Amino acid sequence: MPVRALVLLLFSLSAWSARAPAITIYTEEWPPITFQRNGIADGMAVEVVREIQARIHDNSPIDVVPWARGYKELLTSPGVMLFTVGRSEAREKQMTLLGPIAVSQTVLLARKGEASKLLALGAGIYQRPVGAYRGSIFADSASAAGFVEVDLAPTPR
């Protein structure tokens, strides 16, 4: 199952110095792990990142952005840190992952009373549409499991 992890891309804390270029730090709305309160990033993972920042004397702001935007920036722009990111084999090859900071599971949910009907479909269940949010480990997991129609939403809500 995927594990949400703190991601630091291309940075080694031991190599960090005052002359290092500024970093751009992104996270998403994923309460209570990360969220925005009165326009300021907050949550358990934000506290961890701020502690790391204090130790390396960094005061880069933490921007709460839609997941797909932060993930795209992480993959395409230098000097970007994104947290929290679901851990997968493919992502292990693309970035440096630290953590875990939280553990979660990817599950399939159905309306009350519908689960038995879906289970009765057997392998046919993979022909049914499922929903996940764009660019997420949940969307990747659904596709990897064999679901052919993954309806992508812009947010986890």
C-alpha atoms as a PDB file:
ATOM      1  CA  MET A   1       0.000   0.000   0.000  1.00  0.00           C
ATOM      2  CA  PRO A   2       1.207   3.545  -0.680  1.00  0.00           C
ATOM      3  CA  VAL A   3       2.801   5.495   2.104  1.00  0.00           C
ATOM      4  CA  ARG A   4       2.594   9.271   2.346  1.00  0.00           C
ATOM      5  CA  ALA A   5       6.122  10.574   2.729  1.00  0.00           C
ATOM      6  CA  LEU A   6       7.954  13.851   3.083  1.00  0.00           C
ATOM      7  CA  VAL A   7       9.835  14.658  -0.095  1.00  0.00           C
ATOM      8  CA  LEU A   8      13.043  16.648  -0.390  1.00  0.00           C
ATOM      9  CA  LEU A   9      14.224  16.783  -3.974  1.00  0.00           C
ATOM     10  CA  LEU A  10      17.876  17.318  -4.864  1.00  0.00           C
ATOM     11  CA  PHE A  11      18.890  18.656  -1.484  1.00  0.00           C
ATOM     12  CA  SER A  12      21.240  17.185   1.050  1.00  0.00           C
ATOM     13  CA  LEU A  13      20.947  18.857   4.418  1.00  0.00           C
ATOM     14  CA  SER A  14      24.642  18.369   5.036  1.00  0.00           C
ATOM     15  CA  ALA A  15      25.464  20.309   1.872  1.00  0.00           C
ATOM     16  CA  TRP A  16      23.090  23.180   2.595  1.00  0.00           C
ATOM     17  CA  SER A  17      24.755  26.550   3.093  1.00  0.00           C
ATOM     18  CA  ALA A  18      23.784  30.201   3.279  1.00  0.00           C
ATOM     19  CA  ARG A  19      24.881  30.567  -0.348  1.00  0.00           C
ATOM     20  CA  ALA A  20      22.507  27.890  -1.606  1.00  0.00           C
ATOM     21  CA  PRO A  21      19.768  29.115  -3.928  1.00  0.00           C
ATOM     22  CA  ALA A  22      16.303  29.633  -2.480  1.00  0.00           C
ATOM     23  CA  ILE A  23      13.971  26.678  -2.603  1.00  0.00           C
ATOM     24  CA  THR A  24      10.317  26.666  -3.490  1.00  0.00           C
ATOM     25  CA  ILE A  25       8.272  24.615  -1.060  1.00  0.00           C
ATOM     26  CA  TYR A  26       4.818  23.296  -1.931  1.00  0.00           C
ATOM     27  CA  THR A  27       2.228  21.236  -0.133  1.00  0.00           C
ATOM     28  CA  GLU A  28      -1.452  20.512  -0.689  1.00  0.00           C
ATOM     29  CA  GLU A  29      -4.704  20.613   1.261  1.00  0.00           C
ATOM     30  CA  TRP A  30      -4.714  17.263   3.081  1.00  0.00           C
ATOM     31  CA  PRO A  31      -6.092  17.974   6.572  1.00  0.00           C
ATOM     32  CA  PRO A  32      -4.948  17.365   9.226  1.00  0.00           C
ATOM     33  CA  ILE A  33      -1.528  16.575   7.719  1.00  0.00           C
ATOM     34  CA  THR A  34      -1.277  19.758   5.620  1.00  0.00           C
ATOM     35  CA  PHE A  35      -3.780  22.580   5.167  1.00  0.00           C
ATOM     36  CA  GLN A  36      -4.140  26.322   5.061  1.00  0.00           C
ATOM     37  CA  ARG A  37      -5.333  28.334   8.056  1.00  0.00           C
ATOM     38  CA  ASN A  38      -5.926  32.048   7.487  1.00  0.00           C
ATOM     39  CA  GLY A  39      -3.776  31.905   4.353  1.00  0.00           C
ATOM     40  CA  ILE A  40      -0.822  30.238   6.111  1.00  0.00           C
ATOM     41  CA  ALA A  41       0.327  26.625   5.719  1.00  0.00           C
ATOM     42  CA  ASP A  42      -0.362  24.553   8.834  1.00  0.00           C
ATOM     43  CA  GLY A  43      -0.641  20.949   9.969  1.00  0.00           C
ATOM     44  CA  MET A  44       1.496  18.133  11.311  1.00  0.00           C
ATOM     45  CA  ALA A  45       3.734  17.807   8.235  1.00  0.00           C
ATOM     46  CA  VAL A  46       4.153  21.585   8.018  1.00  0.00           C
ATOM     47  CA  GLU A  47       5.483  21.557  11.581  1.00  0.00           C
ATOM     48  CA  VAL A  48       8.060  18.927  10.581  1.00  0.00           C
ATOM     49  CA  VAL A  49       9.186  20.933   7.552  1.00  0.00           C
ATOM     50  CA  ARG A  50       9.414  24.137   9.591  1.00  0.00           C
ATOM     51  CA  GLU A  51      11.638  22.343  12.105  1.00  0.00           C
ATOM     52  CA  ILE A  52      13.940  21.230   9.276  1.00  0.00           C
ATOM     53  CA  GLN A  53      13.946  24.783   7.959  1.00  0.00           C
ATOM     54  CA  ALA A  54      14.913  26.136  11.384  1.00  0.00           C
ATOM     55  CA  ARG A  55      17.809  23.695  11.607  1.00  0.00           C
ATOM     56  CA  ILE A  56      19.183  24.700   8.196  1.00  0.00           C
ATOM     57  CA  HIS A  57      18.386  28.401   8.654  1.00  0.00           C
ATOM     58  CA  ASP A  58      15.947  28.550   5.762  1.00  0.00           C
ATOM     59  CA  ASN A  59      12.909  30.808   5.770  1.00  0.00           C
ATOM     60  CA  SER A  60      11.406  29.928   2.385  1.00  0.00           C
ATOM     61  CA  PRO A  61       7.621  30.210   2.465  1.00  0.00           C
ATOM     62  CA  ILE A  62       5.462  27.101   2.230  1.00  0.00           C
ATOM     63  CA  ASP A  63       2.788  27.491  -0.442  1.00  0.00           C
ATOM     64  CA  VAL A  64      -0.415  25.429  -0.361  1.00  0.00           C
ATOM     65  CA  VAL A  65      -1.308  24.687  -3.990  1.00  0.00           C
ATOM     66  CA  PRO A  66      -3.441  22.146  -5.842  1.00  0.00           C
ATOM     67  CA  TRP A  67      -1.704  18.778  -5.861  1.00  0.00           C
ATOM     68  CA  ALA A  68      -1.311  18.555  -9.647  1.00  0.00           C
ATOM     69  CA  ARG A  69       0.441  21.950  -9.805  1.00  0.00           C
ATOM     70  CA  GLY A  70       2.890  21.167  -6.995  1.00  0.00           C
ATOM     71  CA  TYR A  71       3.672  17.734  -8.418  1.00  0.00           C
ATOM     72  CA  LYS A  72       4.265  19.140 -11.915  1.00  0.00           C
ATOM     73  CA  GLU A  73       6.617  21.794 -10.513  1.00  0.00           C
ATOM     74  CA  LEU A  74       8.495  19.147  -8.537  1.00  0.00           C
ATOM     75  CA  LEU A  75       9.075  17.097 -11.676  1.00  0.00           C
ATOM     76  CA  THR A  76       9.908  19.977 -14.023  1.00  0.00           C
ATOM     77  CA  SER A  77      11.576  22.762 -12.040  1.00  0.00           C
ATOM     78  CA  PRO A  78      14.851  22.840 -10.125  1.00  0.00           C
ATOM     79  CA  GLY A  79      14.920  23.767  -6.443  1.00  0.00           C
ATOM     80  CA  VAL A  80      11.427  22.501  -5.621  1.00  0.00           C
ATOM     81  CA  MET A  81      10.406  20.576  -2.526  1.00  0.00           C
ATOM     82  CA  LEU A  82       6.951  18.998  -2.259  1.00  0.00           C
ATOM     83  CA  PHE A  83       5.369  17.345   0.733  1.00  0.00           C
ATOM     84  CA  THR A  84       3.605  15.023   1.362  1.00  0.00           C
ATOM     85  CA  VAL A  85       3.990  12.539  -1.481  1.00  0.00           C
ATOM     86  CA  GLY A  86       2.741   8.974  -1.675  1.00  0.00           C
ATOM     87  CA  ARG A  87       5.582   6.506  -1.967  1.00  0.00           C
ATOM     88  CA  SER A  88       5.660   4.181  -4.969  1.00  0.00           C
ATOM     89  CA  GLU A  89       8.339   2.337  -6.896  1.00  0.00           C
ATOM     90  CA  ALA A  90       8.021   4.742  -9.831  1.00  0.00           C
ATOM     91  CA  ARG A  91       8.354   7.780  -7.583  1.00  0.00           C
ATOM     92  CA  GLU A  92      11.370   6.286  -5.825  1.00  0.00           C
ATOM     93  CA  LYS A  93      13.133   6.453  -9.209  1.00  0.00           C
ATOM     94  CA  GLN A  94      12.102  10.072  -9.866  1.00  0.00           C
ATOM     95  CA  MET A  95      12.869  11.770  -6.565  1.00  0.00           C
ATOM     96  CA  THR A  96      14.441  11.478  -3.157  1.00  0.00           C
ATOM     97  CA  LEU A  97      11.834  10.501  -0.568  1.00  0.00           C
ATOM     98  CA  LEU A  98      12.260  10.946   3.160  1.00  0.00           C
ATOM     99  CA  GLY A  99       9.892   9.670   5.776  1.00  0.00           C
ATOM    100  CA  PRO A 100       7.317   8.330   6.252  1.00  0.00           C
ATOM    101  CA  ILE A 101       5.616  11.213   7.961  1.00  0.00           C
ATOM    102  CA  ALA A 102       2.199   9.500   7.896  1.00  0.00           C
ATOM    103  CA  VAL A 103       0.902   6.124   6.771  1.00  0.00           C
ATOM    104  CA  SER A 104      -2.298   5.608   4.798  1.00  0.00           C
ATOM    105  CA  GLN A 105      -3.953   2.980   2.670  1.00  0.00           C
ATOM    106  CA  THR A 106      -5.571   3.191  -0.724  1.00  0.00           C
ATOM    107  CA  VAL A 107      -9.042   1.688  -0.492  1.00  0.00           C
ATOM    108  CA  LEU A 108     -12.062   1.322  -2.723  1.00  0.00           C
ATOM    109  CA  LEU A 109     -15.258   2.771  -1.248  1.00  0.00           C
ATOM    110  CA  ALA A 110     -18.849   2.089  -2.313  1.00  0.00           C
ATOM    111  CA  ARG A 111     -22.270   3.292  -1.203  1.00  0.00           C
ATOM    112  CA  LYS A 112     -23.867   1.351   1.620  1.00  0.00           C
ATOM    113  CA  GLY A 113     -25.441  -1.821   0.237  1.00  0.00           C
ATOM    114  CA  GLU A 114     -23.495  -1.677  -3.055  1.00  0.00           C
ATOM    115  CA  ALA A 115     -20.318  -3.529  -2.002  1.00  0.00           C
ATOM    116  CA  SER A 116     -21.757  -7.024  -2.432  1.00  0.00           C
ATOM    117  CA  LYS A 117     -23.001  -6.173  -5.956  1.00  0.00           C
ATOM    118  CA  LEU A 118     -19.578  -4.866  -6.910  1.00  0.00           C
ATOM    119  CA  LEU A 119     -17.766  -7.864  -5.436  1.00  0.00           C
ATOM    120  CA  ALA A 120     -20.112 -10.168  -7.373  1.00  0.00           C
ATOM    121  CA  LEU A 121     -18.701  -8.659 -10.593  1.00  0.00           C
ATOM    122  CA  GLY A 122     -15.385 -10.425  -9.960  1.00  0.00           C
ATOM    123  CA  ALA A 123     -12.811  -9.207 -12.504  1.00  0.00           C
ATOM    124  CA  GLY A 124     -15.602  -7.169 -14.112  1.00  0.00           C
ATOM    125  CA  ILE A 125     -15.203  -4.675 -11.296  1.00  0.00           C
ATOM    126  CA  TYR A 126     -12.206  -3.269 -13.164  1.00  0.00           C
ATOM    127  CA  GLN A 127     -14.541  -2.106 -15.944  1.00  0.00           C
ATOM    128  CA  ARG A 128     -16.468   0.082 -13.479  1.00  0.00           C
ATOM    129  CA  PRO A 129     -15.417   3.723 -13.130  1.00  0.00           C
ATOM    130  CA  VAL A 130     -13.545   4.812 -10.009  1.00  0.00           C
ATOM    131  CA  GLY A 131     -12.614   8.287  -8.823  1.00  0.00           C
ATOM    132  CA  ALA A 132      -9.342   9.749  -7.575  1.00  0.00           C
ATOM    133  CA  TYR A 133      -7.705  13.117  -7.645  1.00  0.00           C
ATOM    134  CA  ARG A 134      -5.475  14.125 -10.532  1.00  0.00           C
ATOM    135  CA  GLY A 135      -1.791  13.250 -10.231  1.00  0.00           C
ATOM    136  CA  SER A 136      -2.260  11.464  -6.905  1.00  0.00           C
ATOM    137  CA  ILE A 137      -0.877   8.156  -5.737  1.00  0.00           C
ATOM    138  CA  PHE A 138      -4.535   7.073  -5.516  1.00  0.00           C
ATOM    139  CA  ALA A 139      -5.047   7.612  -9.248  1.00  0.00           C
ATOM    140  CA  ASP A 140      -1.791   5.784  -9.967  1.00  0.00           C
ATOM    141  CA  SER A 141      -2.859   2.909  -7.694  1.00  0.00           C
ATOM    142  CA  ALA A 142      -6.256   2.557  -9.391  1.00  0.00           C
ATOM    143  CA  SER A 143      -4.645   2.408 -12.831  1.00  0.00           C
ATOM    144  CA  ALA A 144      -1.965  -0.021 -11.631  1.00  0.00           C
ATOM    145  CA  ALA A 145      -4.655  -2.258 -10.116  1.00  0.00           C
ATOM    146  CA  GLY A 146      -6.302  -2.531 -13.540  1.00  0.00           C
ATOM    147  CA  PHE A 147      -9.210  -0.079 -13.398  1.00  0.00           C
ATOM    148  CA  VAL A 148      -9.759   1.148 -16.950  1.00  0.00           C
ATOM    149  CA  GLU A 149     -11.799   4.267 -16.164  1.00  0.00           C
ATOM    150  CA  VAL A 150     -10.344   6.557 -13.501  1.00  0.00           C
ATOM    151  CA  ASP A 151     -12.380   9.759 -13.144  1.00  0.00           C
ATOM    152  CA  LEU A 152      -9.905  12.446 -12.077  1.00  0.00           C
ATOM    153  CA  ALA A 153     -10.959  15.264  -9.768  1.00  0.00           C
ATOM    154  CA  PRO A 154      -8.922  18.446  -9.190  1.00  0.00           C
ATOM    155  CA  THR A 155      -8.879  17.993  -5.381  1.00  0.00           C
ATOM    156  CA  PRO A 156      -9.134  15.136  -2.878  1.00  0.00           C
ATOM    157  CA  ARG A 157     -12.581  16.368  -1.830  1.00  0.00           C
END
